[in-house]
């Protein structure tokens, strides 16, 4: 059974590093000799810092990978929903990382793509495009983000960060096909591009009307796991939500990608009770739960 590390910290760099160190054995098993690492931060907006992955936590991740694995390639890849990648890299200090690490950046909108089947609001199949670089098996894929509430799927964490981020900007709105189908579509894409490692920097999260316009939630919690479904279930629960109310996690659990019952997930570090809090949900939270009317829970 893989572990979810859960710790308290006062620094994005040190907290992220400690969360990773607690599961180093799991990470080594998952890397399986690979030396190429693709890091997917969250730049949903390139203009609001609170909506993005803090550069300090990515700095810690790059430091950890460099020390542990002697990478042949470190690639930070993203497709922001608002603005261009270069704007985000400049605004959030990511370009400074090149002074410390041999890291490259990939604007996923300029990648080659592979079509993938999802559903419209009538349940009919259509296609969105997935960036091909993310599908390459020789890359160890990492999703790293801050915990945020969301306007359609309750919370956005490591699974959703990867599933939506690998689509070009023009295709992201196409995933929004009502509360049921957006959860189903996210789960479908996630099953294709599920990260090998998920990392959460919860020094300061976002609550309320996320994923861009919410308010800061000071928390001081960091987490990591080689099973991002289980990681996101633990973090969602610690944020005050029931993981079974989050549609894409529900589907991924049903399809065998991971456990979402917090009592059945192995947590190391501090206990969930020590970090459990209550993030203010998005104002549309009641409508968001309407996806459950379409399934037999």
C-alpha atoms as a PDB file:
ATOM      1  CA  UNK A   1       0.000   0.000   0.000  1.00  0.00           C
ATOM      2  CA  UNK A   2       1.425   3.363  -1.038  1.00  0.00           C
ATOM      3  CA  UNK A   3       1.472   6.200   1.456  1.00  0.00           C
ATOM      4  CA  UNK A   4       0.175   9.739   1.589  1.00  0.00           C
ATOM      5  CA  UNK A   5       2.564  12.006   3.462  1.00  0.00           C
ATOM      6  CA  UNK A   6       0.946  14.755   5.470  1.00  0.00           C
ATOM      7  CA  UNK A   7       2.888  17.359   7.400  1.00  0.00           C
ATOM      8  CA  UNK A   8       2.668  20.826   8.884  1.00  0.00           C
ATOM      9  CA  UNK A   9       5.165  23.487   7.856  1.00  0.00           C
ATOM     10  CA  UNK A  10       5.851  27.198   7.691  1.00  0.00           C
ATOM     11  CA  UNK A  11       7.821  27.287   4.439  1.00  0.00           C
ATOM     12  CA  UNK A  12       6.816  26.169   0.945  1.00  0.00           C
ATOM     13  CA  UNK A  13      10.345  24.977   0.223  1.00  0.00           C
ATOM     14  CA  UNK A  14      10.947  23.071   3.459  1.00  0.00           C
ATOM     15  CA  UNK A  15       7.394  21.775   3.751  1.00  0.00           C
ATOM     16  CA  UNK A  16       7.400  20.369   0.232  1.00  0.00           C
ATOM     17  CA  UNK A  17      10.807  18.802   0.774  1.00  0.00           C
ATOM     18  CA  UNK A  18       9.714  17.106   3.994  1.00  0.00           C
ATOM     19  CA  UNK A  19       6.541  15.761   2.383  1.00  0.00           C
ATOM     20  CA  UNK A  20       8.626  14.232  -0.416  1.00  0.00           C
ATOM     21  CA  UNK A  21      11.249  12.785   1.916  1.00  0.00           C
ATOM     22  CA  UNK A  22       8.574  10.923   3.873  1.00  0.00           C
ATOM     23  CA  UNK A  23       7.657   8.850   0.816  1.00  0.00           C
ATOM     24  CA  UNK A  24      11.053   8.485  -0.852  1.00  0.00           C
ATOM     25  CA  UNK A  25      10.733   4.679  -0.895  1.00  0.00           C
ATOM     26  CA  UNK A  26       7.440   4.894  -2.801  1.00  0.00           C
ATOM     27  CA  UNK A  27       8.888   7.415  -5.242  1.00  0.00           C
ATOM     28  CA  UNK A  28      11.912   5.225  -6.008  1.00  0.00           C
ATOM     29  CA  UNK A  29       9.625   2.270  -6.718  1.00  0.00           C
ATOM     30  CA  UNK A  30       7.496   4.366  -9.070  1.00  0.00           C
ATOM     31  CA  UNK A  31      10.399   6.005 -10.916  1.00  0.00           C
ATOM     32  CA  UNK A  32      11.689   2.556 -11.961  1.00  0.00           C
ATOM     33  CA  UNK A  33      14.969   3.853 -13.326  1.00  0.00           C
ATOM     34  CA  UNK A  34      13.522   6.680 -15.394  1.00  0.00           C
ATOM     35  CA  UNK A  35      15.626   9.844 -15.569  1.00  0.00           C
ATOM     36  CA  UNK A  36      13.239  12.211 -17.361  1.00  0.00           C
ATOM     37  CA  UNK A  37      10.800  14.197 -15.229  1.00  0.00           C
ATOM     38  CA  UNK A  38       7.831  16.267 -16.381  1.00  0.00           C
ATOM     39  CA  UNK A  39       6.503  18.727 -13.800  1.00  0.00           C
ATOM     40  CA  UNK A  40       3.017  20.142 -14.212  1.00  0.00           C
ATOM     41  CA  UNK A  41       2.391  23.212 -12.023  1.00  0.00           C
ATOM     42  CA  UNK A  42      -0.919  25.090 -12.020  1.00  0.00           C
ATOM     43  CA  UNK A  43      -1.075  28.407 -13.888  1.00  0.00           C
ATOM     44  CA  UNK A  44      -4.838  28.641 -14.346  1.00  0.00           C
ATOM     45  CA  UNK A  45      -4.264  32.385 -14.397  1.00  0.00           C
ATOM     46  CA  UNK A  46      -0.874  33.938 -15.098  1.00  0.00           C
ATOM     47  CA  UNK A  47      -1.853  37.162 -13.320  1.00  0.00           C
ATOM     48  CA  UNK A  48      -3.132  36.124  -9.881  1.00  0.00           C
ATOM     49  CA  UNK A  49      -0.375  34.612  -7.756  1.00  0.00           C
ATOM     50  CA  UNK A  50      -2.802  32.968  -5.318  1.00  0.00           C
ATOM     51  CA  UNK A  51      -4.244  30.880  -8.161  1.00  0.00           C
ATOM     52  CA  UNK A  52      -0.848  29.426  -9.124  1.00  0.00           C
ATOM     53  CA  UNK A  53       1.603  26.875  -7.759  1.00  0.00           C
ATOM     54  CA  UNK A  54       4.182  28.711  -5.612  1.00  0.00           C
ATOM     55  CA  UNK A  55       7.613  28.719  -7.244  1.00  0.00           C
ATOM     56  CA  UNK A  56       9.192  27.839  -3.873  1.00  0.00           C
ATOM     57  CA  UNK A  57       7.515  24.427  -3.825  1.00  0.00           C
ATOM     58  CA  UNK A  58       8.637  23.718  -7.394  1.00  0.00           C
ATOM     59  CA  UNK A  59      12.136  24.790  -6.344  1.00  0.00           C
ATOM     60  CA  UNK A  60      11.993  22.195  -3.544  1.00  0.00           C
ATOM     61  CA  UNK A  61      10.758  19.525  -5.962  1.00  0.00           C
ATOM     62  CA  UNK A  62      13.568  20.240  -8.425  1.00  0.00           C
ATOM     63  CA  UNK A  63      16.098  20.143  -5.580  1.00  0.00           C
ATOM     64  CA  UNK A  64      14.752  16.785  -4.412  1.00  0.00           C
ATOM     65  CA  UNK A  65      14.779  15.252  -7.903  1.00  0.00           C
ATOM     66  CA  UNK A  66      18.277  16.547  -8.618  1.00  0.00           C
ATOM     67  CA  UNK A  67      19.653  15.093  -5.388  1.00  0.00           C
ATOM     68  CA  UNK A  68      17.902  11.739  -5.594  1.00  0.00           C
ATOM     69  CA  UNK A  69      17.844  10.826  -9.283  1.00  0.00           C
ATOM     70  CA  UNK A  70      20.469  12.749 -11.305  1.00  0.00           C
ATOM     71  CA  UNK A  71      17.854  13.638 -13.957  1.00  0.00           C
ATOM     72  CA  UNK A  72      18.723  13.639 -17.646  1.00  0.00           C
ATOM     73  CA  UNK A  73      15.802  16.010 -18.263  1.00  0.00           C
ATOM     74  CA  UNK A  74      13.702  18.315 -16.104  1.00  0.00           C
ATOM     75  CA  UNK A  75      10.728  19.738 -17.957  1.00  0.00           C
ATOM     76  CA  UNK A  76       8.124  22.152 -16.575  1.00  0.00           C
ATOM     77  CA  UNK A  77       5.044  21.911 -18.792  1.00  0.00           C
ATOM     78  CA  UNK A  78       1.825  23.908 -18.649  1.00  0.00           C
ATOM     79  CA  UNK A  79      -1.045  25.347 -20.660  1.00  0.00           C
ATOM     80  CA  UNK A  80      -2.571  28.257 -18.703  1.00  0.00           C
ATOM     81  CA  UNK A  81      -6.295  28.877 -19.087  1.00  0.00           C
ATOM     82  CA  UNK A  82      -5.671  32.629 -18.983  1.00  0.00           C
ATOM     83  CA  UNK A  83      -2.545  34.154 -20.488  1.00  0.00           C
ATOM     84  CA  UNK A  84       0.563  32.583 -21.993  1.00  0.00           C
ATOM     85  CA  UNK A  85       3.106  30.345 -20.318  1.00  0.00           C
ATOM     86  CA  UNK A  86       5.905  32.893 -20.649  1.00  0.00           C
ATOM     87  CA  UNK A  87       3.794  35.485 -18.822  1.00  0.00           C
ATOM     88  CA  UNK A  88       3.260  33.055 -15.943  1.00  0.00           C
ATOM     89  CA  UNK A  89       6.921  32.097 -15.816  1.00  0.00           C
ATOM     90  CA  UNK A  90       7.917  35.754 -15.590  1.00  0.00           C
ATOM     91  CA  UNK A  91       5.195  36.856 -13.188  1.00  0.00           C
ATOM     92  CA  UNK A  92       5.694  33.996 -10.730  1.00  0.00           C
ATOM     93  CA  UNK A  93       9.516  33.876 -10.735  1.00  0.00           C
ATOM     94  CA  UNK A  94       9.874  30.524 -12.508  1.00  0.00           C
ATOM     95  CA  UNK A  95      12.546  31.752 -14.915  1.00  0.00           C
ATOM     96  CA  UNK A  96      14.877  32.123 -11.918  1.00  0.00           C
ATOM     97  CA  UNK A  97      14.850  28.327 -11.588  1.00  0.00           C
ATOM     98  CA  UNK A  98      17.111  28.081 -14.644  1.00  0.00           C
ATOM     99  CA  UNK A  99      19.882  29.646 -12.588  1.00  0.00           C
ATOM    100  CA  UNK A 100      19.866  26.660 -10.206  1.00  0.00           C
ATOM    101  CA  UNK A 101      18.741  23.693 -12.329  1.00  0.00           C
ATOM    102  CA  UNK A 102      19.008  22.389 -15.875  1.00  0.00           C
ATOM    103  CA  UNK A 103      15.303  22.870 -16.408  1.00  0.00           C
ATOM    104  CA  UNK A 104      13.383  23.551 -19.613  1.00  0.00           C
ATOM    105  CA  UNK A 105       9.857  24.865 -20.152  1.00  0.00           C
ATOM    106  CA  UNK A 106       7.207  23.525 -22.520  1.00  0.00           C
ATOM    107  CA  UNK A 107       4.142  25.504 -23.551  1.00  0.00           C
ATOM    108  CA  UNK A 108       1.736  22.627 -24.074  1.00  0.00           C
ATOM    109  CA  UNK A 109      -0.392  24.627 -26.523  1.00  0.00           C
ATOM    110  CA  UNK A 110       2.555  24.373 -28.929  1.00  0.00           C
ATOM    111  CA  UNK A 111       3.008  20.619 -28.498  1.00  0.00           C
ATOM    112  CA  UNK A 112       1.774  17.912 -30.863  1.00  0.00           C
ATOM    113  CA  UNK A 113      -1.578  16.431 -29.871  1.00  0.00           C
ATOM    114  CA  UNK A 114      -3.449  13.160 -29.750  1.00  0.00           C
ATOM    115  CA  UNK A 115      -7.273  13.136 -29.945  1.00  0.00           C
ATOM    116  CA  UNK A 116      -9.179  11.665 -27.024  1.00  0.00           C
ATOM    117  CA  UNK A 117     -12.864  10.803 -26.596  1.00  0.00           C
ATOM    118  CA  UNK A 118     -15.006  12.680 -24.059  1.00  0.00           C
ATOM    119  CA  UNK A 119     -18.734  13.465 -23.788  1.00  0.00           C
ATOM    120  CA  UNK A 120     -20.949  16.429 -24.507  1.00  0.00           C
ATOM    121  CA  UNK A 121     -23.926  17.399 -22.362  1.00  0.00           C
ATOM    122  CA  UNK A 122     -26.125  14.910 -24.232  1.00  0.00           C
ATOM    123  CA  UNK A 123     -23.751  12.024 -23.625  1.00  0.00           C
ATOM    124  CA  UNK A 124     -22.506  12.007 -27.212  1.00  0.00           C
ATOM    125  CA  UNK A 125     -18.834  11.369 -27.936  1.00  0.00           C
ATOM    126  CA  UNK A 126     -16.574  14.088 -29.284  1.00  0.00           C
ATOM    127  CA  UNK A 127     -12.812  14.663 -29.142  1.00  0.00           C
ATOM    128  CA  UNK A 128     -10.427  16.905 -27.261  1.00  0.00           C
ATOM    129  CA  UNK A 129      -6.668  16.972 -27.745  1.00  0.00           C
ATOM    130  CA  UNK A 130      -4.035  15.796 -25.270  1.00  0.00           C
ATOM    131  CA  UNK A 131      -0.449  17.030 -25.493  1.00  0.00           C
ATOM    132  CA  UNK A 132       1.678  14.139 -26.732  1.00  0.00           C
ATOM    133  CA  UNK A 133       4.705  14.891 -24.567  1.00  0.00           C
ATOM    134  CA  UNK A 134       2.660  14.121 -21.448  1.00  0.00           C
ATOM    135  CA  UNK A 135       1.777  10.709 -22.908  1.00  0.00           C
ATOM    136  CA  UNK A 136       5.396   9.626 -23.280  1.00  0.00           C
ATOM    137  CA  UNK A 137       6.066   6.735 -20.917  1.00  0.00           C
ATOM    138  CA  UNK A 138       9.722   7.642 -20.433  1.00  0.00           C
ATOM    139  CA  UNK A 139       8.653  10.748 -18.484  1.00  0.00           C
ATOM    140  CA  UNK A 140       7.919  10.477 -14.766  1.00  0.00           C
ATOM    141  CA  UNK A 141       4.957  12.848 -14.455  1.00  0.00           C
ATOM    142  CA  UNK A 142       4.458  15.085 -11.419  1.00  0.00           C
ATOM    143  CA  UNK A 143       1.486  17.303 -10.649  1.00  0.00           C
ATOM    144  CA  UNK A 144       2.199  20.002  -8.060  1.00  0.00           C
ATOM    145  CA  UNK A 145      -0.324  22.601  -6.952  1.00  0.00           C
ATOM    146  CA  UNK A 146      -1.928  24.452  -4.074  1.00  0.00           C
ATOM    147  CA  UNK A 147      -5.338  23.303  -2.736  1.00  0.00           C
ATOM    148  CA  UNK A 148      -8.231  25.368  -4.047  1.00  0.00           C
ATOM    149  CA  UNK A 149     -11.993  25.322  -4.118  1.00  0.00           C
ATOM    150  CA  UNK A 150     -13.600  25.266  -7.549  1.00  0.00           C
ATOM    151  CA  UNK A 151     -16.596  26.646  -9.392  1.00  0.00           C
ATOM    152  CA  UNK A 152     -17.753  23.373 -10.991  1.00  0.00           C
ATOM    153  CA  UNK A 153     -16.057  20.343  -9.362  1.00  0.00           C
ATOM    154  CA  UNK A 154     -15.808  21.313  -5.655  1.00  0.00           C
ATOM    155  CA  UNK A 155     -12.000  21.270  -5.418  1.00  0.00           C
ATOM    156  CA  UNK A 156      -9.043  21.361  -7.773  1.00  0.00           C
ATOM    157  CA  UNK A 157      -5.997  19.369  -6.690  1.00  0.00           C
ATOM    158  CA  UNK A 158      -3.321  17.233  -8.358  1.00  0.00           C
ATOM    159  CA  UNK A 159      -5.570  15.035 -10.510  1.00  0.00           C
ATOM    160  CA  UNK A 160      -7.560  17.860 -12.046  1.00  0.00           C
ATOM    161  CA  UNK A 161      -4.437  19.999 -12.433  1.00  0.00           C
ATOM    162  CA  UNK A 162      -2.988  17.365 -14.742  1.00  0.00           C
ATOM    163  CA  UNK A 163      -6.195  16.389 -16.546  1.00  0.00           C
ATOM    164  CA  UNK A 164      -7.169  19.927 -17.542  1.00  0.00           C
ATOM    165  CA  UNK A 165      -3.648  21.248 -17.980  1.00  0.00           C
ATOM    166  CA  UNK A 166      -2.666  18.797 -20.720  1.00  0.00           C
ATOM    167  CA  UNK A 167      -5.391  20.161 -23.014  1.00  0.00           C
ATOM    168  CA  UNK A 168      -4.763  23.194 -25.219  1.00  0.00           C
ATOM    169  CA  UNK A 169      -6.520  26.355 -24.082  1.00  0.00           C
ATOM    170  CA  UNK A 170      -9.055  26.105 -26.912  1.00  0.00           C
ATOM    171  CA  UNK A 171     -10.189  22.673 -25.683  1.00  0.00           C
ATOM    172  CA  UNK A 172     -10.488  23.395 -21.958  1.00  0.00           C
ATOM    173  CA  UNK A 173     -13.960  25.014 -22.239  1.00  0.00           C
ATOM    174  CA  UNK A 174     -15.171  21.991 -24.211  1.00  0.00           C
ATOM    175  CA  UNK A 175     -14.803  19.836 -21.090  1.00  0.00           C
ATOM    176  CA  UNK A 176     -17.520  21.904 -19.371  1.00  0.00           C
ATOM    177  CA  UNK A 177     -20.647  19.965 -20.320  1.00  0.00           C
ATOM    178  CA  UNK A 178     -22.679  20.321 -17.142  1.00  0.00           C
ATOM    179  CA  UNK A 179     -21.816  19.136 -13.637  1.00  0.00           C
ATOM    180  CA  UNK A 180     -22.105  15.420 -14.398  1.00  0.00           C
ATOM    181  CA  UNK A 181     -20.198  15.334 -17.648  1.00  0.00           C
ATOM    182  CA  UNK A 182     -17.375  17.635 -16.610  1.00  0.00           C
ATOM    183  CA  UNK A 183     -16.618  15.277 -13.724  1.00  0.00           C
ATOM    184  CA  UNK A 184     -16.825  12.270 -16.030  1.00  0.00           C
ATOM    185  CA  UNK A 185     -14.640  13.966 -18.654  1.00  0.00           C
ATOM    186  CA  UNK A 186     -11.994  14.969 -16.122  1.00  0.00           C
ATOM    187  CA  UNK A 187     -11.900  11.409 -14.810  1.00  0.00           C
ATOM    188  CA  UNK A 188     -11.577  10.002 -18.336  1.00  0.00           C
ATOM    189  CA  UNK A 189      -8.674  12.273 -19.258  1.00  0.00           C
ATOM    190  CA  UNK A 190      -7.076  11.715 -15.836  1.00  0.00           C
ATOM    191  CA  UNK A 191      -7.097   7.964 -16.434  1.00  0.00           C
ATOM    192  CA  UNK A 192      -4.988   8.595 -19.532  1.00  0.00           C
ATOM    193  CA  UNK A 193      -2.498  11.036 -17.946  1.00  0.00           C
ATOM    194  CA  UNK A 194      -2.596  10.224 -14.233  1.00  0.00           C
ATOM    195  CA  UNK A 195       0.504  11.654 -12.531  1.00  0.00           C
ATOM    196  CA  UNK A 196       3.135   9.306 -11.131  1.00  0.00           C
ATOM    197  CA  UNK A 197       3.466  11.674  -8.180  1.00  0.00           C
ATOM    198  CA  UNK A 198       1.204  14.323  -6.727  1.00  0.00           C
ATOM    199  CA  UNK A 199       2.442  17.132  -4.478  1.00  0.00           C
ATOM    200  CA  UNK A 200       0.334  19.646  -2.537  1.00  0.00           C
ATOM    201  CA  UNK A 201       1.622  22.965  -1.203  1.00  0.00           C
ATOM    202  CA  UNK A 202      -1.031  24.073   1.257  1.00  0.00           C
ATOM    203  CA  UNK A 203       0.941  26.761   3.050  1.00  0.00           C
ATOM    204  CA  UNK A 204      -1.774  29.061   1.732  1.00  0.00           C
ATOM    205  CA  UNK A 205      -4.705  27.603  -0.162  1.00  0.00           C
ATOM    206  CA  UNK A 206      -7.659  29.270  -1.857  1.00  0.00           C
ATOM    207  CA  UNK A 207     -11.206  29.111  -0.512  1.00  0.00           C
ATOM    208  CA  UNK A 208     -14.494  30.585  -1.643  1.00  0.00           C
ATOM    209  CA  UNK A 209     -14.937  31.391  -5.316  1.00  0.00           C
ATOM    210  CA  UNK A 210     -11.921  29.551  -6.698  1.00  0.00           C
ATOM    211  CA  UNK A 211     -10.085  28.567  -8.790  1.00  0.00           C
ATOM    212  CA  UNK A 212      -9.048  32.172  -9.542  1.00  0.00           C
ATOM    213  CA  UNK A 213     -11.181  34.637  -7.592  1.00  0.00           C
ATOM    214  CA  UNK A 214     -11.200  33.069  -4.130  1.00  0.00           C
ATOM    215  CA  UNK A 215      -9.620  34.269  -0.902  1.00  0.00           C
ATOM    216  CA  UNK A 216      -6.428  33.057   0.774  1.00  0.00           C
ATOM    217  CA  UNK A 217      -6.745  30.289   3.349  1.00  0.00           C
ATOM    218  CA  UNK A 218      -3.691  30.083   5.617  1.00  0.00           C
ATOM    219  CA  UNK A 219      -3.196  26.405   6.379  1.00  0.00           C
ATOM    220  CA  UNK A 220       0.444  25.300   6.543  1.00  0.00           C
ATOM    221  CA  UNK A 221      -0.179  21.759   5.279  1.00  0.00           C
ATOM    222  CA  UNK A 222       1.940  19.840   2.761  1.00  0.00           C
ATOM    223  CA  UNK A 223       1.327  16.415   1.246  1.00  0.00           C
ATOM    224  CA  UNK A 224       2.584  14.024  -1.414  1.00  0.00           C
ATOM    225  CA  UNK A 225       1.845  10.553  -2.766  1.00  0.00           C
ATOM    226  CA  UNK A 226       2.539   8.299  -5.719  1.00  0.00           C
ATOM    227  CA  UNK A 227      -1.214   7.731  -5.858  1.00  0.00           C
ATOM    228  CA  UNK A 228      -2.682  11.162  -6.646  1.00  0.00           C
ATOM    229  CA  UNK A 229      -6.268   9.921  -6.327  1.00  0.00           C
ATOM    230  CA  UNK A 230      -5.639   8.935  -2.721  1.00  0.00           C
ATOM    231  CA  UNK A 231      -3.652  12.115  -2.105  1.00  0.00           C
ATOM    232  CA  UNK A 232      -6.491  14.280  -3.393  1.00  0.00           C
ATOM    233  CA  UNK A 233      -9.045  12.334  -1.358  1.00  0.00           C
ATOM    234  CA  UNK A 234      -7.071  12.978   1.835  1.00  0.00           C
ATOM    235  CA  UNK A 235      -6.576  16.660   1.065  1.00  0.00           C
ATOM    236  CA  UNK A 236     -10.215  17.163   0.067  1.00  0.00           C
ATOM    237  CA  UNK A 237     -11.289  15.546   3.333  1.00  0.00           C
ATOM    238  CA  UNK A 238      -8.823  17.676   5.298  1.00  0.00           C
ATOM    239  CA  UNK A 239     -10.270  20.762   3.548  1.00  0.00           C
ATOM    240  CA  UNK A 240     -13.672  19.840   4.967  1.00  0.00           C
ATOM    241  CA  UNK A 241     -15.211  18.049   1.980  1.00  0.00           C
ATOM    242  CA  UNK A 242     -16.396  14.469   1.468  1.00  0.00           C
ATOM    243  CA  UNK A 243     -14.239  12.919  -1.276  1.00  0.00           C
ATOM    244  CA  UNK A 244     -17.272  10.911  -2.446  1.00  0.00           C
ATOM    245  CA  UNK A 245     -18.980  14.222  -3.278  1.00  0.00           C
ATOM    246  CA  UNK A 246     -16.240  15.033  -5.797  1.00  0.00           C
ATOM    247  CA  UNK A 247     -17.376  13.447  -9.032  1.00  0.00           C
ATOM    248  CA  UNK A 248     -14.075  12.862 -10.777  1.00  0.00           C
ATOM    249  CA  UNK A 249     -12.608  11.212  -7.671  1.00  0.00           C
ATOM    250  CA  UNK A 250     -15.740   9.073  -7.355  1.00  0.00           C
ATOM    251  CA  UNK A 251     -15.367   7.831 -10.951  1.00  0.00           C
ATOM    252  CA  UNK A 252     -11.633   7.177 -10.653  1.00  0.00           C
ATOM    253  CA  UNK A 253     -12.271   5.191  -7.490  1.00  0.00           C
ATOM    254  CA  UNK A 254     -14.981   3.155  -9.232  1.00  0.00           C
ATOM    255  CA  UNK A 255     -12.566   2.452 -12.080  1.00  0.00           C
ATOM    256  CA  UNK A 256      -9.858   1.167  -9.735  1.00  0.00           C
ATOM    257  CA  UNK A 257      -7.373   4.057  -9.742  1.00  0.00           C
ATOM    258  CA  UNK A 258      -7.313   4.578  -5.991  1.00  0.00           C
ATOM    259  CA  UNK A 259      -9.131   4.580  -2.694  1.00  0.00           C
ATOM    260  CA  UNK A 260     -11.101   7.673  -1.658  1.00  0.00           C
ATOM    261  CA  UNK A 261     -12.269   6.593   1.803  1.00  0.00           C
ATOM    262  CA  UNK A 262      -9.861   8.413   4.159  1.00  0.00           C
ATOM    263  CA  UNK A 263     -10.093   5.589   6.696  1.00  0.00           C
ATOM    264  CA  UNK A 264      -8.702   3.144   4.130  1.00  0.00           C
ATOM    265  CA  UNK A 265      -5.733   5.273   3.031  1.00  0.00           C
ATOM    266  CA  UNK A 266      -2.347   5.003   4.733  1.00  0.00           C
ATOM    267  CA  UNK A 267      -1.225   8.400   5.997  1.00  0.00           C
ATOM    268  CA  UNK A 268       2.275   9.077   7.357  1.00  0.00           C
ATOM    269  CA  UNK A 269       3.497  12.161   9.164  1.00  0.00           C
ATOM    270  CA  UNK A 270       0.779  13.928  11.125  1.00  0.00           C
ATOM    271  CA  UNK A 271      -2.762  12.603  11.441  1.00  0.00           C
ATOM    272  CA  UNK A 272      -5.634  13.971   9.377  1.00  0.00           C
ATOM    273  CA  UNK A 273      -7.298  15.186  12.581  1.00  0.00           C
ATOM    274  CA  UNK A 274      -4.303  17.438  13.255  1.00  0.00           C
ATOM    275  CA  UNK A 275      -4.707  19.331   9.981  1.00  0.00           C
ATOM    276  CA  UNK A 276      -8.441  19.083   9.282  1.00  0.00           C
ATOM    277  CA  UNK A 277     -10.046  22.452   8.665  1.00  0.00           C
ATOM    278  CA  UNK A 278     -12.971  23.953   6.788  1.00  0.00           C
ATOM    279  CA  UNK A 279     -12.393  25.690   3.456  1.00  0.00           C
ATOM    280  CA  UNK A 280     -15.257  27.986   2.521  1.00  0.00           C
ATOM    281  CA  UNK A 281     -16.786  26.382  -0.615  1.00  0.00           C
ATOM    282  CA  UNK A 282     -17.661  28.120  -3.853  1.00  0.00           C
ATOM    283  CA  UNK A 283     -21.034  29.865  -3.792  1.00  0.00           C
ATOM    284  CA  UNK A 284     -22.386  27.336  -6.350  1.00  0.00           C
ATOM    285  CA  UNK A 285     -21.531  24.310  -4.223  1.00  0.00           C
ATOM    286  CA  UNK A 286     -25.116  23.016  -4.028  1.00  0.00           C
ATOM    287  CA  UNK A 287     -25.455  22.990  -7.815  1.00  0.00           C
ATOM    288  CA  UNK A 288     -22.067  21.323  -8.128  1.00  0.00           C
ATOM    289  CA  UNK A 289     -23.318  18.326  -6.162  1.00  0.00           C
ATOM    290  CA  UNK A 290     -26.061  17.765  -8.752  1.00  0.00           C
ATOM    291  CA  UNK A 291     -23.803  15.331 -10.661  1.00  0.00           C
ATOM    292  CA  UNK A 292     -24.787  12.724  -8.061  1.00  0.00           C
ATOM    293  CA  UNK A 293     -28.335  12.583  -9.399  1.00  0.00           C
ATOM    294  CA  UNK A 294     -26.983  10.752 -12.457  1.00  0.00           C
ATOM    295  CA  UNK A 295     -25.357   7.846 -10.598  1.00  0.00           C
ATOM    296  CA  UNK A 296     -26.327   5.221  -8.050  1.00  0.00           C
ATOM    297  CA  UNK A 297     -24.102   6.024  -5.081  1.00  0.00           C
END
